[in-house]
Amino acid sequence: MTNKERKKLDDLIARVFTLAFQLGTNVDQLYREVRELRFNTQDKDFEAALINLEHAFFMVVQSINILKEQSRNATIPTRKAG
């Protein structure tokens, strides 16, 4: 790995983590609003739809976590080369 490649990777990973943090914060805010709406409804069909939406938020969070993990894993070759 060249120094140029290492620097580019470091930049990409920093941007990934910044994006992941921003996405996580926004997803969390929306999730809380959906959850509050679910707790306040008496409509069972609407509640079921909101549960499905909550599950979708969970899947997004899992994907963000995987993105962060794989970004960390991408740094392994830099440790071997350096």
PDB file of N, CA and C in Angstrom:
ATOM      1  N   MET A   1       0.857  -1.178   0.000  1.00  0.00           N
ATOM      2  CA  MET A   1       0.000   0.000   0.000  1.00  0.00           C
ATOM      3  C   MET A   1       0.900   1.237   0.000  1.00  0.00           C
ATOM      4  N   THR A   2       0.610   2.130  -0.908  1.00  0.00           N
ATOM      5  CA  THR A   2       1.398   3.358  -0.989  1.00  0.00           C
ATOM      6  C   THR A   2       0.909   4.361   0.054  1.00  0.00           C
ATOM      7  N   ASN A   3       1.724   5.367   0.306  1.00  0.00           N
ATOM      8  CA  ASN A   3       1.319   6.431   1.233  1.00  0.00           C
ATOM      9  C   ASN A   3       0.083   7.162   0.704  1.00  0.00           C
ATOM     10  N   LYS A   4       0.021   7.329  -0.612  1.00  0.00           N
ATOM     11  CA  LYS A   4      -1.139   7.995  -1.226  1.00  0.00           C
ATOM     12  C   LYS A   4      -2.406   7.165  -0.982  1.00  0.00           C
ATOM     13  N   GLU A   5      -2.309   5.852  -1.156  1.00  0.00           N
ATOM     14  CA  GLU A   5      -3.457   4.977  -0.915  1.00  0.00           C
ATOM     15  C   GLU A   5      -3.858   4.995   0.555  1.00  0.00           C
ATOM     16  N   ARG A   6      -2.877   4.968   1.436  1.00  0.00           N
ATOM     17  CA  ARG A   6      -3.150   4.998   2.877  1.00  0.00           C
ATOM     18  C   ARG A   6      -3.862   6.299   3.268  1.00  0.00           C
ATOM     19  N   LYS A   7      -3.368   7.410   2.718  1.00  0.00           N
ATOM     20  CA  LYS A   7      -3.989   8.706   3.021  1.00  0.00           C
ATOM     21  C   LYS A   7      -5.429   8.757   2.497  1.00  0.00           C
ATOM     22  N   LYS A   8      -5.641   8.239   1.290  1.00  0.00           N
ATOM     23  CA  LYS A   8      -6.988   8.206   0.712  1.00  0.00           C
ATOM     24  C   LYS A   8      -7.911   7.339   1.563  1.00  0.00           C
ATOM     25  N   LEU A   9      -7.410   6.177   2.002  1.00  0.00           N
ATOM     26  CA  LEU A   9      -8.205   5.296   2.856  1.00  0.00           C
ATOM     27  C   LEU A   9      -8.559   5.977   4.175  1.00  0.00           C
ATOM     28  N   ASP A  10      -7.589   6.622   4.785  1.00  0.00           N
ATOM     29  CA  ASP A  10      -7.853   7.338   6.043  1.00  0.00           C
ATOM     30  C   ASP A  10      -8.932   8.393   5.856  1.00  0.00           C
ATOM     31  N   ASP A  11      -8.867   9.108   4.735  1.00  0.00           N
ATOM     32  CA  ASP A  11      -9.875  10.134   4.439  1.00  0.00           C
ATOM     33  C   ASP A  11     -11.252   9.502   4.250  1.00  0.00           C
ATOM     34  N   LEU A  12     -11.309   8.406   3.493  1.00  0.00           N
ATOM     35  CA  LEU A  12     -12.591   7.731   3.259  1.00  0.00           C
ATOM     36  C   LEU A  12     -13.197   7.219   4.561  1.00  0.00           C
ATOM     37  N   ILE A  13     -12.366   6.619   5.398  1.00  0.00           N
ATOM     38  CA  ILE A  13     -12.871   6.080   6.657  1.00  0.00           C
ATOM     39  C   ILE A  13     -13.372   7.197   7.571  1.00  0.00           C
ATOM     40  N   ALA A  14     -12.659   8.301   7.609  1.00  0.00           N
ATOM     41  CA  ALA A  14     -13.121   9.444   8.416  1.00  0.00           C
ATOM     42  C   ALA A  14     -14.471   9.933   7.910  1.00  0.00           C
ATOM     43  N   ARG A  15     -14.632   9.982   6.591  1.00  0.00           N
ATOM     44  CA  ARG A  15     -15.910  10.426   6.028  1.00  0.00           C
ATOM     45  C   ARG A  15     -17.021   9.418   6.305  1.00  0.00           C
ATOM     46  N   VAL A  16     -16.700   8.124   6.247  1.00  0.00           N
ATOM     47  CA  VAL A  16     -17.689   7.080   6.553  1.00  0.00           C
ATOM     48  C   VAL A  16     -18.169   7.224   7.994  1.00  0.00           C
ATOM     49  N   PHE A  17     -17.239   7.398   8.928  1.00  0.00           N
ATOM     50  CA  PHE A  17     -17.628   7.510  10.332  1.00  0.00           C
ATOM     51  C   PHE A  17     -18.431   8.780  10.598  1.00  0.00           C
ATOM     52  N   THR A  18     -18.079   9.869   9.929  1.00  0.00           N
ATOM     53  CA  THR A  18     -18.863  11.101  10.071  1.00  0.00           C
ATOM     54  C   THR A  18     -20.279  10.890   9.551  1.00  0.00           C
ATOM     55  N   LEU A  19     -20.387  10.275   8.380  1.00  0.00           N
ATOM     56  CA  LEU A  19     -21.706   9.989   7.811  1.00  0.00           C
ATOM     57  C   LEU A  19     -22.498   9.043   8.697  1.00  0.00           C
ATOM     58  N   ALA A  20     -21.847   8.001   9.192  1.00  0.00           N
ATOM     59  CA  ALA A  20     -22.526   7.034  10.057  1.00  0.00           C
ATOM     60  C   ALA A  20     -23.070   7.706  11.309  1.00  0.00           C
ATOM     61  N   PHE A  21     -22.283   8.609  11.893  1.00  0.00           N
ATOM     62  CA  PHE A  21     -22.751   9.330  13.083  1.00  0.00           C
ATOM     63  C   PHE A  21     -23.956  10.190  12.755  1.00  0.00           C
ATOM     64  N   GLN A  22     -23.872  10.935  11.658  1.00  0.00           N
ATOM     65  CA  GLN A  22     -24.988  11.801  11.266  1.00  0.00           C
ATOM     66  C   GLN A  22     -26.237  10.986  10.954  1.00  0.00           C
ATOM     67  N   LEU A  23     -26.063   9.906  10.201  1.00  0.00           N
ATOM     68  CA  LEU A  23     -27.204   9.043   9.882  1.00  0.00           C
ATOM     69  C   LEU A  23     -27.806   8.447  11.148  1.00  0.00           C
ATOM     70  N   GLY A  24     -26.939   7.952  12.023  1.00  0.00           N
ATOM     71  CA  GLY A  24     -27.415   7.352  13.269  1.00  0.00           C
ATOM     72  C   GLY A  24     -28.224   8.331  14.096  1.00  0.00           C
ATOM     73  N   THR A  25     -27.751   9.555  14.171  1.00  0.00           N
ATOM     74  CA  THR A  25     -28.462  10.582  14.939  1.00  0.00           C
ATOM     75  C   THR A  25     -29.833  10.873  14.324  1.00  0.00           C
ATOM     76  N   ASN A  26     -29.868  11.007  13.008  1.00  0.00           N
ATOM     77  CA  ASN A  26     -31.144  11.300  12.333  1.00  0.00           C
ATOM     78  C   ASN A  26     -32.108  10.120  12.415  1.00  0.00           C
ATOM     79  N   VAL A  27     -31.591   8.919  12.228  1.00  0.00           N
ATOM     80  CA  VAL A  27     -32.437   7.722  12.308  1.00  0.00           C
ATOM     81  C   VAL A  27     -33.005   7.588  13.718  1.00  0.00           C
ATOM     82  N   ASP A  28     -32.174   7.825  14.716  1.00  0.00           N
ATOM     83  CA  ASP A  28     -32.626   7.722  16.105  1.00  0.00           C
ATOM     84  C   ASP A  28     -33.761   8.703  16.390  1.00  0.00           C
ATOM     85  N   GLN A  29     -33.630   9.916  15.895  1.00  0.00           N
ATOM     86  CA  GLN A  29     -34.676  10.918  16.114  1.00  0.00           C
ATOM     87  C   GLN A  29     -35.989  10.480  15.459  1.00  0.00           C
ATOM     88  N   LEU A  30     -35.911  10.015  14.215  1.00  0.00           N
ATOM     89  CA  LEU A  30     -37.124   9.562  13.529  1.00  0.00           C
ATOM     90  C   LEU A  30     -37.719   8.326  14.200  1.00  0.00           C
ATOM     91  N   TYR A  31     -36.856   7.410  14.617  1.00  0.00           N
ATOM     92  CA  TYR A  31     -37.314   6.201  15.298  1.00  0.00           C
ATOM     93  C   TYR A  31     -38.101   6.560  16.558  1.00  0.00           C
ATOM     94  N   ARG A  32     -37.592   7.501  17.330  1.00  0.00           N
ATOM     95  CA  ARG A  32     -38.288   7.912  18.556  1.00  0.00           C
ATOM     96  C   ARG A  32     -39.674   8.486  18.258  1.00  0.00           C
ATOM     97  N   GLU A  33     -39.771   9.233  17.182  1.00  0.00           N
ATOM     98  CA  GLU A  33     -41.067   9.797  16.800  1.00  0.00           C
ATOM     99  C   GLU A  33     -42.041   8.691  16.389  1.00  0.00           C
ATOM    100  N   VAL A  34     -41.569   7.718  15.629  1.00  0.00           N
ATOM    101  CA  VAL A  34     -42.417   6.590  15.211  1.00  0.00           C
ATOM    102  C   VAL A  34     -42.854   5.794  16.432  1.00  0.00           C
ATOM    103  N   ARG A  35     -41.909   5.542  17.322  1.00  0.00           N
ATOM    104  CA  ARG A  35     -42.212   4.759  18.531  1.00  0.00           C
ATOM    105  C   ARG A  35     -43.247   5.481  19.396  1.00  0.00           C
ATOM    106  N   GLU A  36     -43.095   6.779  19.554  1.00  0.00           N
ATOM    107  CA  GLU A  36     -44.061   7.563  20.335  1.00  0.00           C
ATOM    108  C   GLU A  36     -45.447   7.489  19.692  1.00  0.00           C
ATOM    109  N   LEU A  37     -45.485   7.605  18.368  1.00  0.00           N
ATOM    110  CA  LEU A  37     -46.756   7.519  17.656  1.00  0.00           C
ATOM    111  C   LEU A  37     -47.403   6.146  17.873  1.00  0.00           C
ATOM    112  N   ARG A  38     -46.577   5.084  17.835  1.00  0.00           N
ATOM    113  CA  ARG A  38     -47.105   3.736  18.061  1.00  0.00           C
ATOM    114  C   ARG A  38     -47.679   3.589  19.461  1.00  0.00           C
ATOM    115  N   PHE A  39     -46.988   4.116  20.455  1.00  0.00           N
ATOM    116  CA  PHE A  39     -47.472   4.006  21.834  1.00  0.00           C
ATOM    117  C   PHE A  39     -48.754   4.797  22.068  1.00  0.00           C
ATOM    118  N   ASN A  40     -48.967   5.832  21.270  1.00  0.00           N
ATOM    119  CA  ASN A  40     -50.119   6.698  21.486  1.00  0.00           C
ATOM    120  C   ASN A  40     -51.343   6.348  20.644  1.00  0.00           C
ATOM    121  N   THR A  41     -51.214   5.369  19.757  1.00  0.00           N
ATOM    122  CA  THR A  41     -52.361   5.033  18.914  1.00  0.00           C
ATOM    123  C   THR A  41     -53.186   3.918  19.554  1.00  0.00           C
ATOM    124  N   GLN A  42     -54.465   3.924  19.243  1.00  0.00           N
ATOM    125  CA  GLN A  42     -55.360   2.847  19.658  1.00  0.00           C
ATOM    126  C   GLN A  42     -55.711   1.941  18.485  1.00  0.00           C
ATOM    127  N   ASP A  43     -55.304   2.349  17.296  1.00  0.00           N
ATOM    128  CA  ASP A  43     -55.605   1.611  16.067  1.00  0.00           C
ATOM    129  C   ASP A  43     -54.606   0.472  15.902  1.00  0.00           C
ATOM    130  N   LYS A  44     -55.086  -0.765  16.004  1.00  0.00           N
ATOM    131  CA  LYS A  44     -54.216  -1.949  15.954  1.00  0.00           C
ATOM    132  C   LYS A  44     -53.539  -2.116  14.594  1.00  0.00           C
ATOM    133  N   ASP A  45     -54.251  -1.810  13.517  1.00  0.00           N
ATOM    134  CA  ASP A  45     -53.645  -1.919  12.188  1.00  0.00           C
ATOM    135  C   ASP A  45     -52.517  -0.896  12.015  1.00  0.00           C
ATOM    136  N   PHE A  46     -52.772   0.319  12.476  1.00  0.00           N
ATOM    137  CA  PHE A  46     -51.752   1.366  12.413  1.00  0.00           C
ATOM    138  C   PHE A  46     -50.566   0.996  13.293  1.00  0.00           C
ATOM    139  N   GLU A  47     -50.844   0.445  14.461  1.00  0.00           N
ATOM    140  CA  GLU A  47     -49.789   0.015  15.371  1.00  0.00           C
ATOM    141  C   GLU A  47     -48.915  -1.062  14.711  1.00  0.00           C
ATOM    142  N   ALA A  48     -49.534  -2.005  14.025  1.00  0.00           N
ATOM    143  CA  ALA A  48     -48.782  -3.062  13.345  1.00  0.00           C
ATOM    144  C   ALA A  48     -47.902  -2.478  12.240  1.00  0.00           C
ATOM    145  N   ALA A  49     -48.436  -1.516  11.518  1.00  0.00           N
ATOM    146  CA  ALA A  49     -47.642  -0.865  10.464  1.00  0.00           C
ATOM    147  C   ALA A  49     -46.441  -0.132  11.067  1.00  0.00           C
ATOM    148  N   LEU A  50     -46.651   0.507  12.201  1.00  0.00           N
ATOM    149  CA  LEU A  50     -45.566   1.231  12.860  1.00  0.00           C
ATOM    150  C   LEU A  50     -44.515   0.270  13.422  1.00  0.00           C
ATOM    151  N   ILE A  51     -44.938  -0.892  13.882  1.00  0.00           N
ATOM    152  CA  ILE A  51     -43.976  -1.903  14.342  1.00  0.00           C
ATOM    153  C   ILE A  51     -43.086  -2.330  13.179  1.00  0.00           C
ATOM    154  N   ASN A  52     -43.692  -2.520  12.013  1.00  0.00           N
ATOM    155  CA  ASN A  52     -42.902  -2.864  10.828  1.00  0.00           C
ATOM    156  C   ASN A  52     -41.926  -1.747  10.467  1.00  0.00           C
ATOM    157  N   LEU A  53     -42.364  -0.519  10.616  1.00  0.00           N
ATOM    158  CA  LEU A  53     -41.496   0.624  10.344  1.00  0.00           C
ATOM    159  C   LEU A  53     -40.347   0.670  11.357  1.00  0.00           C
ATOM    160  N   GLU A  54     -40.647   0.386  12.615  1.00  0.00           N
ATOM    161  CA  GLU A  54     -39.593   0.336  13.640  1.00  0.00           C
ATOM    162  C   GLU A  54     -38.564  -0.730  13.281  1.00  0.00           C
ATOM    163  N   HIS A  55     -39.031  -1.856  12.787  1.00  0.00           N
ATOM    164  CA  HIS A  55     -38.121  -2.921  12.377  1.00  0.00           C
ATOM    165  C   HIS A  55     -37.214  -2.442  11.237  1.00  0.00           C
ATOM    166  N   ALA A  56     -37.773  -1.692  10.309  1.00  0.00           N
ATOM    167  CA  ALA A  56     -36.978  -1.153   9.208  1.00  0.00           C
ATOM    168  C   ALA A  56     -35.890  -0.216   9.738  1.00  0.00           C
ATOM    169  N   PHE A  57     -36.222   0.597  10.738  1.00  0.00           N
ATOM    170  CA  PHE A  57     -35.212   1.460  11.352  1.00  0.00           C
ATOM    171  C   PHE A  57     -34.110   0.616  11.977  1.00  0.00           C
ATOM    172  N   PHE A  58     -34.488  -0.469  12.637  1.00  0.00           N
ATOM    173  CA  PHE A  58     -33.507  -1.360  13.236  1.00  0.00           C
ATOM    174  C   PHE A  58     -32.557  -1.905  12.171  1.00  0.00           C
ATOM    175  N   MET A  59     -33.112  -2.288  11.035  1.00  0.00           N
ATOM    176  CA  MET A  59     -32.286  -2.825   9.953  1.00  0.00           C
ATOM    177  C   MET A  59     -31.318  -1.760   9.419  1.00  0.00           C
ATOM    178  N   VAL A  60     -31.765  -0.534   9.336  1.00  0.00           N
ATOM    179  CA  VAL A  60     -30.887   0.555   8.898  1.00  0.00           C
ATOM    180  C   VAL A  60     -29.736   0.726   9.885  1.00  0.00           C
ATOM    181  N   VAL A  61     -30.046   0.696  11.162  1.00  0.00           N
ATOM    182  CA  VAL A  61     -29.006   0.837  12.186  1.00  0.00           C
ATOM    183  C   VAL A  61     -28.008  -0.317  12.085  1.00  0.00           C
ATOM    184  N   GLN A  62     -28.503  -1.522  11.879  1.00  0.00           N
ATOM    185  CA  GLN A  62     -27.612  -2.667  11.708  1.00  0.00           C
ATOM    186  C   GLN A  62     -26.691  -2.456  10.502  1.00  0.00           C
ATOM    187  N   SER A  63     -27.240  -1.937   9.422  1.00  0.00           N
ATOM    188  CA  SER A  63     -26.433  -1.676   8.224  1.00  0.00           C
ATOM    189  C   SER A  63     -25.367  -0.617   8.498  1.00  0.00           C
ATOM    190  N   ILE A  64     -25.709   0.398   9.249  1.00  0.00           N
ATOM    191  CA  ILE A  64     -24.729   1.426   9.616  1.00  0.00           C
ATOM    192  C   ILE A  64     -23.619   0.806  10.455  1.00  0.00           C
ATOM    193  N   ASN A  65     -23.982  -0.059  11.383  1.00  0.00           N
ATOM    194  CA  ASN A  65     -22.975  -0.727  12.212  1.00  0.00           C
ATOM    195  C   ASN A  65     -22.051  -1.610  11.375  1.00  0.00           C
ATOM    196  N   ILE A  66     -22.611  -2.301  10.407  1.00  0.00           N
ATOM    197  CA  ILE A  66     -21.797  -3.138   9.515  1.00  0.00           C
ATOM    198  C   ILE A  66     -20.857  -2.261   8.694  1.00  0.00           C
ATOM    199  N   LEU A  67     -21.350  -1.134   8.215  1.00  0.00           N
ATOM    200  CA  LEU A  67     -20.512  -0.201   7.459  1.00  0.00           C
ATOM    201  C   LEU A  67     -19.333   0.275   8.296  1.00  0.00           C
ATOM    202  N   LYS A  68     -19.593   0.613   9.549  1.00  0.00           N
ATOM    203  CA  LYS A  68     -18.509   1.050  10.431  1.00  0.00           C
ATOM    204  C   LYS A  68     -17.514  -0.081  10.683  1.00  0.00           C
ATOM    205  N   GLU A  69     -18.022  -1.277  10.919  1.00  0.00           N
ATOM    206  CA  GLU A  69     -17.149  -2.418  11.182  1.00  0.00           C
ATOM    207  C   GLU A  69     -16.257  -2.719   9.976  1.00  0.00           C
ATOM    208  N   GLN A  70     -16.843  -2.725   8.800  1.00  0.00           N
ATOM    209  CA  GLN A  70     -16.063  -3.003   7.600  1.00  0.00           C
ATOM    210  C   GLN A  70     -15.062  -1.883   7.304  1.00  0.00           C
ATOM    211  N   SER A  71     -15.400  -0.668   7.671  1.00  0.00           N
ATOM    212  CA  SER A  71     -14.459   0.445   7.520  1.00  0.00           C
ATOM    213  C   SER A  71     -13.253   0.242   8.427  1.00  0.00           C
ATOM    214  N   ARG A  72     -13.518  -0.188   9.650  1.00  0.00           N
ATOM    215  CA  ARG A  72     -12.409  -0.490  10.568  1.00  0.00           C
ATOM    216  C   ARG A  72     -11.559  -1.636  10.012  1.00  0.00           C
ATOM    217  N   ASN A  73     -12.218  -2.650   9.470  1.00  0.00           N
ATOM    218  CA  ASN A  73     -11.497  -3.789   8.904  1.00  0.00           C
ATOM    219  C   ASN A  73     -10.621  -3.385   7.722  1.00  0.00           C
ATOM    220  N   ALA A  74     -11.029  -2.358   7.009  1.00  0.00           N
ATOM    221  CA  ALA A  74     -10.245  -1.900   5.853  1.00  0.00           C
ATOM    222  C   ALA A  74      -8.890  -1.339   6.283  1.00  0.00           C
ATOM    223  N   THR A  75      -8.741  -1.004   7.543  1.00  0.00           N
ATOM    224  CA  THR A  75      -7.465  -0.453   8.018  1.00  0.00           C
ATOM    225  C   THR A  75      -6.450  -1.554   8.347  1.00  0.00           C
ATOM    226  N   ILE A  76      -6.867  -2.795   8.370  1.00  0.00           N
ATOM    227  CA  ILE A  76      -5.957  -3.895   8.717  1.00  0.00           C
ATOM    228  C   ILE A  76      -4.735  -3.937   7.778  1.00  0.00           C
ATOM    229  N   PRO A  77      -4.922  -3.798   6.462  1.00  0.00           N
ATOM    230  CA  PRO A  77      -3.726  -3.810   5.606  1.00  0.00           C
ATOM    231  C   PRO A  77      -2.756  -2.655   5.903  1.00  0.00           C
ATOM    232  N   THR A  78      -3.260  -1.546   6.405  1.00  0.00           N
ATOM    233  CA  THR A  78      -2.358  -0.428   6.704  1.00  0.00           C
ATOM    234  C   THR A  78      -1.469  -0.762   7.885  1.00  0.00           C
ATOM    235  N   ARG A  79      -1.970  -1.556   8.813  1.00  0.00           N
ATOM    236  CA  ARG A  79      -1.161  -1.967   9.969  1.00  0.00           C
ATOM    237  C   ARG A  79      -0.113  -2.975   9.554  1.00  0.00           C
ATOM    238  N   LYS A  80      -0.464  -3.833   8.626  1.00  0.00           N
ATOM    239  CA  LYS A  80       0.482  -4.838   8.139  1.00  0.00           C
ATOM    240  C   LYS A  80       1.595  -4.199   7.320  1.00  0.00           C
ATOM    241  N   ALA A  81       1.216  -3.175   6.538  1.00  0.00           N
ATOM    242  CA  ALA A  81       2.192  -2.527   5.647  1.00  0.00           C
ATOM    243  C   ALA A  81       3.089  -1.554   6.405  1.00  0.00           C
ATOM    244  N   GLY A  82       2.574  -1.003   7.510  1.00  0.00           N
ATOM    245  CA  GLY A  82       3.315   0.039   8.209  1.00  0.00           C
ATOM    246  C   GLY A  82       4.145  -0.511   9.266  1.00  0.00           C
TER     247      GLY A  82
END
